[in-house]
Amino acid sequence: DGLLVDSWECGIQSWTWKMEEEFKKRAGYELRPYLPALFGRVLESEAKTEKFLLDWRNVCSRLIEENYYAVIAATAKERSVRNVFRRCSRRRYSALLEIRG
């Protein structure tokens, strides 16, 4: 028996009701002053804006990893089910990623 998670059909997930709290915990600074950067504004300097955008992407990625992929993998492991994720990149390359406990 196995579980294949074929693709991510959730679009771009970039917010949770606890996003400000999660961002502060993970990036170490307040999110709210930097929100205009998500809409293309340069804040203080390009370097500082780019650092924020990198931190933003990292926080979003970690939240998806922890609250989606890790939950599926843990559930499969609890049930002794082989778990495989299919991932796709913008280059239309696809691969299977197997999570083993």
N, C-alpha and C. Protein backbone atom coordinates (compact mmCIF):
# COMPACT_ATOMS: atom_id res chain seq x y z
N ASP A 1 0.83 -1.18 0.00
CA ASP A 1 0.00 0.00 0.00
C ASP A 1 0.87 1.24 0.00
N GLY A 2 0.37 2.30 -0.58
CA GLY A 2 1.13 3.52 -0.62
C GLY A 2 0.25 4.73 -0.84
N LEU A 3 0.86 5.88 -0.66
CA LEU A 3 0.17 7.15 -0.83
C LEU A 3 1.02 8.01 -1.76
N LEU A 4 0.46 8.40 -2.89
CA LEU A 4 1.13 9.29 -3.82
C LEU A 4 0.44 10.64 -3.75
N VAL A 5 1.19 11.67 -3.39
CA VAL A 5 0.67 13.04 -3.43
C VAL A 5 1.16 13.58 -4.76
N ASP A 6 0.24 13.66 -5.72
CA ASP A 6 0.60 13.90 -7.11
C ASP A 6 1.08 15.32 -7.37
N SER A 7 0.39 16.31 -6.82
CA SER A 7 0.82 17.68 -7.09
C SER A 7 0.21 18.63 -6.07
N TRP A 8 0.77 19.81 -6.03
CA TRP A 8 0.32 20.87 -5.13
C TRP A 8 -0.70 21.70 -5.90
N GLU A 9 -1.95 21.64 -5.51
CA GLU A 9 -3.02 22.35 -6.22
C GLU A 9 -3.54 23.54 -5.41
N CYS A 10 -2.73 24.07 -4.54
CA CYS A 10 -3.19 25.12 -3.63
C CYS A 10 -2.76 26.51 -4.05
N GLY A 11 -2.13 26.64 -5.21
CA GLY A 11 -1.66 27.95 -5.62
C GLY A 11 -0.56 28.45 -4.69
N ILE A 12 -0.43 29.73 -4.59
CA ILE A 12 0.58 30.31 -3.72
C ILE A 12 -0.05 30.59 -2.37
N GLN A 13 0.41 29.88 -1.38
CA GLN A 13 -0.09 30.08 -0.02
C GLN A 13 0.86 31.03 0.69
N SER A 14 0.35 32.16 1.11
CA SER A 14 1.25 33.15 1.70
C SER A 14 0.67 33.82 2.95
N TRP A 15 -0.35 33.23 3.52
CA TRP A 15 -0.89 33.85 4.72
C TRP A 15 -1.56 32.83 5.61
N THR A 16 -1.45 33.04 6.90
CA THR A 16 -2.16 32.30 7.91
C THR A 16 -2.58 33.32 8.96
N TRP A 17 -3.59 33.01 9.74
CA TRP A 17 -4.05 33.96 10.76
C TRP A 17 -2.94 34.28 11.75
N LYS A 18 -1.96 33.41 11.85
CA LYS A 18 -0.83 33.65 12.77
C LYS A 18 0.44 34.07 12.03
N MET A 19 0.29 34.59 10.83
CA MET A 19 1.46 34.90 10.01
C MET A 19 2.39 35.90 10.67
N GLU A 20 1.83 36.94 11.25
CA GLU A 20 2.71 37.93 11.90
C GLU A 20 3.50 37.29 13.04
N GLU A 21 2.84 36.48 13.82
CA GLU A 21 3.50 35.78 14.94
C GLU A 21 4.56 34.80 14.41
N GLU A 22 4.21 34.03 13.39
CA GLU A 22 5.15 33.06 12.83
C GLU A 22 6.35 33.76 12.21
N PHE A 23 6.11 34.85 11.49
CA PHE A 23 7.20 35.57 10.86
C PHE A 23 8.17 36.11 11.91
N LYS A 24 7.63 36.72 12.95
CA LYS A 24 8.49 37.27 14.01
C LYS A 24 9.31 36.16 14.67
N LYS A 25 8.67 35.04 14.95
CA LYS A 25 9.35 33.92 15.60
C LYS A 25 10.48 33.37 14.71
N ARG A 26 10.23 33.27 13.43
CA ARG A 26 11.18 32.63 12.52
C ARG A 26 12.21 33.59 11.93
N ALA A 27 11.81 34.82 11.63
CA ALA A 27 12.72 35.78 11.00
C ALA A 27 13.35 36.73 12.02
N GLY A 28 12.69 36.88 13.17
CA GLY A 28 13.28 37.69 14.23
C GLY A 28 12.91 39.16 14.19
N TYR A 29 11.99 39.56 13.34
CA TYR A 29 11.58 40.97 13.30
C TYR A 29 10.12 41.07 12.87
N GLU A 30 9.56 42.25 13.05
CA GLU A 30 8.15 42.48 12.76
C GLU A 30 7.88 42.45 11.26
N LEU A 31 6.77 41.87 10.89
CA LEU A 31 6.38 41.75 9.49
C LEU A 31 5.70 43.00 8.95
N ARG A 32 4.82 43.58 9.71
CA ARG A 32 3.92 44.64 9.23
C ARG A 32 4.63 45.79 8.51
N PRO A 33 5.76 46.32 9.01
CA PRO A 33 6.39 47.44 8.30
C PRO A 33 6.88 47.08 6.89
N TYR A 34 7.05 45.78 6.64
CA TYR A 34 7.60 45.33 5.36
C TYR A 34 6.54 44.87 4.36
N LEU A 35 5.28 44.84 4.74
CA LEU A 35 4.23 44.36 3.85
C LEU A 35 4.20 45.06 2.48
N PRO A 36 4.46 46.37 2.40
CA PRO A 36 4.45 47.01 1.07
C PRO A 36 5.46 46.40 0.09
N ALA A 37 6.52 45.79 0.61
CA ALA A 37 7.51 45.15 -0.27
C ALA A 37 6.89 43.98 -1.04
N LEU A 38 5.86 43.37 -0.48
CA LEU A 38 5.19 42.26 -1.17
C LEU A 38 4.44 42.74 -2.40
N PHE A 39 4.25 44.05 -2.49
CA PHE A 39 3.54 44.64 -3.62
C PHE A 39 4.47 45.47 -4.50
N GLY A 40 5.78 45.22 -4.37
CA GLY A 40 6.75 45.84 -5.26
C GLY A 40 7.43 47.09 -4.76
N ARG A 41 7.12 47.54 -3.56
CA ARG A 41 7.75 48.76 -3.04
C ARG A 41 9.13 48.44 -2.48
N VAL A 42 10.07 49.33 -2.74
CA VAL A 42 11.41 49.23 -2.14
C VAL A 42 11.38 50.00 -0.84
N LEU A 43 11.76 49.35 0.24
CA LEU A 43 11.72 49.96 1.56
C LEU A 43 13.14 50.19 2.07
N GLU A 44 13.47 51.41 2.36
CA GLU A 44 14.78 51.83 2.86
C GLU A 44 15.89 51.60 1.84
N SER A 45 16.08 50.37 1.38
CA SER A 45 17.10 50.08 0.37
C SER A 45 16.72 48.79 -0.35
N GLU A 46 17.31 48.60 -1.54
CA GLU A 46 17.06 47.36 -2.27
C GLU A 46 17.56 46.16 -1.49
N ALA A 47 18.72 46.30 -0.86
CA ALA A 47 19.29 45.18 -0.11
C ALA A 47 18.38 44.76 1.05
N LYS A 48 17.87 45.74 1.78
CA LYS A 48 17.00 45.42 2.92
C LYS A 48 15.68 44.82 2.43
N THR A 49 15.16 45.33 1.32
CA THR A 49 13.93 44.79 0.76
C THR A 49 14.14 43.36 0.28
N GLU A 50 15.25 43.10 -0.39
CA GLU A 50 15.56 41.75 -0.86
C GLU A 50 15.74 40.78 0.30
N LYS A 51 16.36 41.25 1.38
CA LYS A 51 16.52 40.39 2.56
C LYS A 51 15.16 40.03 3.14
N PHE A 52 14.27 41.02 3.23
CA PHE A 52 12.93 40.74 3.71
C PHE A 52 12.23 39.72 2.82
N LEU A 53 12.30 39.93 1.50
CA LEU A 53 11.61 39.02 0.57
C LEU A 53 12.15 37.60 0.68
N LEU A 54 13.44 37.46 0.88
CA LEU A 54 14.02 36.14 1.09
C LEU A 54 13.51 35.53 2.39
N ASP A 55 13.50 36.31 3.46
CA ASP A 55 12.96 35.84 4.74
C ASP A 55 11.49 35.44 4.59
N TRP A 56 10.73 36.24 3.89
CA TRP A 56 9.31 35.97 3.65
C TRP A 56 9.13 34.62 2.95
N ARG A 57 9.88 34.43 1.87
CA ARG A 57 9.77 33.17 1.12
C ARG A 57 10.19 31.97 1.97
N ASN A 58 11.23 32.15 2.76
CA ASN A 58 11.68 31.06 3.64
C ASN A 58 10.63 30.71 4.69
N VAL A 59 10.02 31.72 5.28
CA VAL A 59 8.98 31.46 6.29
C VAL A 59 7.79 30.75 5.63
N CYS A 60 7.34 31.23 4.49
CA CYS A 60 6.22 30.58 3.79
C CYS A 60 6.57 29.14 3.44
N SER A 61 7.77 28.91 2.94
CA SER A 61 8.20 27.55 2.58
C SER A 61 8.21 26.63 3.79
N ARG A 62 8.76 27.10 4.90
CA ARG A 62 8.82 26.28 6.11
C ARG A 62 7.42 25.95 6.64
N LEU A 63 6.52 26.92 6.58
CA LEU A 63 5.16 26.68 7.05
C LEU A 63 4.45 25.62 6.20
N ILE A 64 4.64 25.68 4.89
CA ILE A 64 4.05 24.67 4.00
C ILE A 64 4.69 23.31 4.27
N GLU A 65 5.99 23.30 4.41
CA GLU A 65 6.69 22.04 4.71
C GLU A 65 6.18 21.42 6.01
N GLU A 66 6.08 22.22 7.05
CA GLU A 66 5.70 21.71 8.37
C GLU A 66 4.21 21.37 8.47
N ASN A 67 3.36 22.15 7.82
CA ASN A 67 1.93 21.99 8.01
C ASN A 67 1.23 21.23 6.89
N TYR A 68 1.95 20.89 5.85
CA TYR A 68 1.36 20.12 4.76
C TYR A 68 2.17 18.83 4.55
N TYR A 69 3.39 18.97 4.03
CA TYR A 69 4.17 17.78 3.71
C TYR A 69 4.50 16.94 4.95
N ALA A 70 4.93 17.57 6.01
CA ALA A 70 5.31 16.81 7.21
C ALA A 70 4.11 16.11 7.84
N VAL A 71 2.95 16.75 7.79
CA VAL A 71 1.73 16.13 8.35
C VAL A 71 1.34 14.90 7.54
N ILE A 72 1.39 15.01 6.23
CA ILE A 72 1.08 13.86 5.37
C ILE A 72 2.08 12.74 5.62
N ALA A 73 3.37 13.07 5.67
CA ALA A 73 4.40 12.07 5.89
C ALA A 73 4.24 11.39 7.25
N ALA A 74 3.95 12.16 8.29
CA ALA A 74 3.77 11.58 9.63
C ALA A 74 2.54 10.67 9.68
N THR A 75 1.47 11.09 9.02
CA THR A 75 0.26 10.28 8.99
C THR A 75 0.51 8.96 8.27
N ALA A 76 1.21 9.02 7.15
CA ALA A 76 1.55 7.81 6.41
C ALA A 76 2.44 6.89 7.25
N LYS A 77 3.41 7.47 7.94
CA LYS A 77 4.30 6.67 8.78
C LYS A 77 3.52 5.98 9.90
N GLU A 78 2.62 6.70 10.55
CA GLU A 78 1.79 6.12 11.62
C GLU A 78 1.02 4.91 11.13
N ARG A 79 0.63 4.94 9.87
CA ARG A 79 -0.20 3.86 9.30
C ARG A 79 0.63 2.86 8.51
N SER A 80 1.97 3.00 8.59
CA SER A 80 2.89 2.10 7.87
C SER A 80 2.61 2.07 6.37
N VAL A 81 2.36 3.25 5.82
CA VAL A 81 2.07 3.38 4.40
C VAL A 81 3.23 4.11 3.74
N ARG A 82 3.70 3.58 2.62
CA ARG A 82 4.75 4.25 1.86
C ARG A 82 4.20 5.56 1.32
N ASN A 83 4.98 6.61 1.40
CA ASN A 83 4.53 7.95 1.02
C ASN A 83 5.47 8.51 -0.03
N VAL A 84 4.92 8.95 -1.15
CA VAL A 84 5.71 9.54 -2.22
C VAL A 84 5.06 10.85 -2.65
N PHE A 85 5.88 11.90 -2.78
CA PHE A 85 5.41 13.19 -3.27
C PHE A 85 5.95 13.39 -4.69
N ARG A 86 5.11 13.84 -5.58
CA ARG A 86 5.56 14.21 -6.91
C ARG A 86 5.78 15.71 -6.90
N ARG A 87 6.93 16.14 -7.32
CA ARG A 87 7.20 17.57 -7.34
C ARG A 87 7.48 18.01 -8.77
N CYS A 88 7.11 19.23 -9.06
CA CYS A 88 7.33 19.80 -10.38
C CYS A 88 8.00 21.15 -10.22
N SER A 89 8.86 21.46 -11.13
CA SER A 89 9.49 22.78 -11.12
C SER A 89 9.01 23.56 -12.34
N ARG A 90 9.42 24.77 -12.44
CA ARG A 90 9.01 25.61 -13.56
C ARG A 90 9.58 25.10 -14.89
N ARG A 91 10.60 24.27 -14.81
CA ARG A 91 11.20 23.73 -16.03
C ARG A 91 10.48 22.47 -16.51
N ARG A 92 9.33 22.21 -15.93
CA ARG A 92 8.52 21.05 -16.25
C ARG A 92 9.22 19.74 -15.93
N TYR A 93 10.22 19.80 -15.09
CA TYR A 93 10.88 18.61 -14.62
C TYR A 93 10.04 18.05 -13.46
N SER A 94 9.83 16.79 -13.46
CA SER A 94 9.11 16.21 -12.34
C SER A 94 9.93 15.06 -11.78
N ALA A 95 9.79 14.84 -10.51
CA ALA A 95 10.50 13.77 -9.84
C ALA A 95 9.65 13.29 -8.68
N LEU A 96 9.97 12.12 -8.21
CA LEU A 96 9.29 11.60 -7.05
C LEU A 96 10.21 11.74 -5.84
N LEU A 97 9.67 12.18 -4.76
CA LEU A 97 10.41 12.32 -3.52
C LEU A 97 9.76 11.40 -2.51
N GLU A 98 10.50 10.43 -2.06
CA GLU A 98 9.94 9.49 -1.11
C GLU A 98 10.38 9.89 0.30
N ILE A 99 9.44 9.94 1.20
CA ILE A 99 9.71 10.25 2.59
C ILE A 99 9.68 8.94 3.37
N ARG A 100 10.76 8.63 3.98
CA ARG A 100 10.82 7.40 4.77
C ARG A 100 11.06 7.77 6.23
N GLY A 101 10.39 7.03 7.10
CA GLY A 101 10.53 7.28 8.53
C GLY A 101 11.72 6.59 9.12
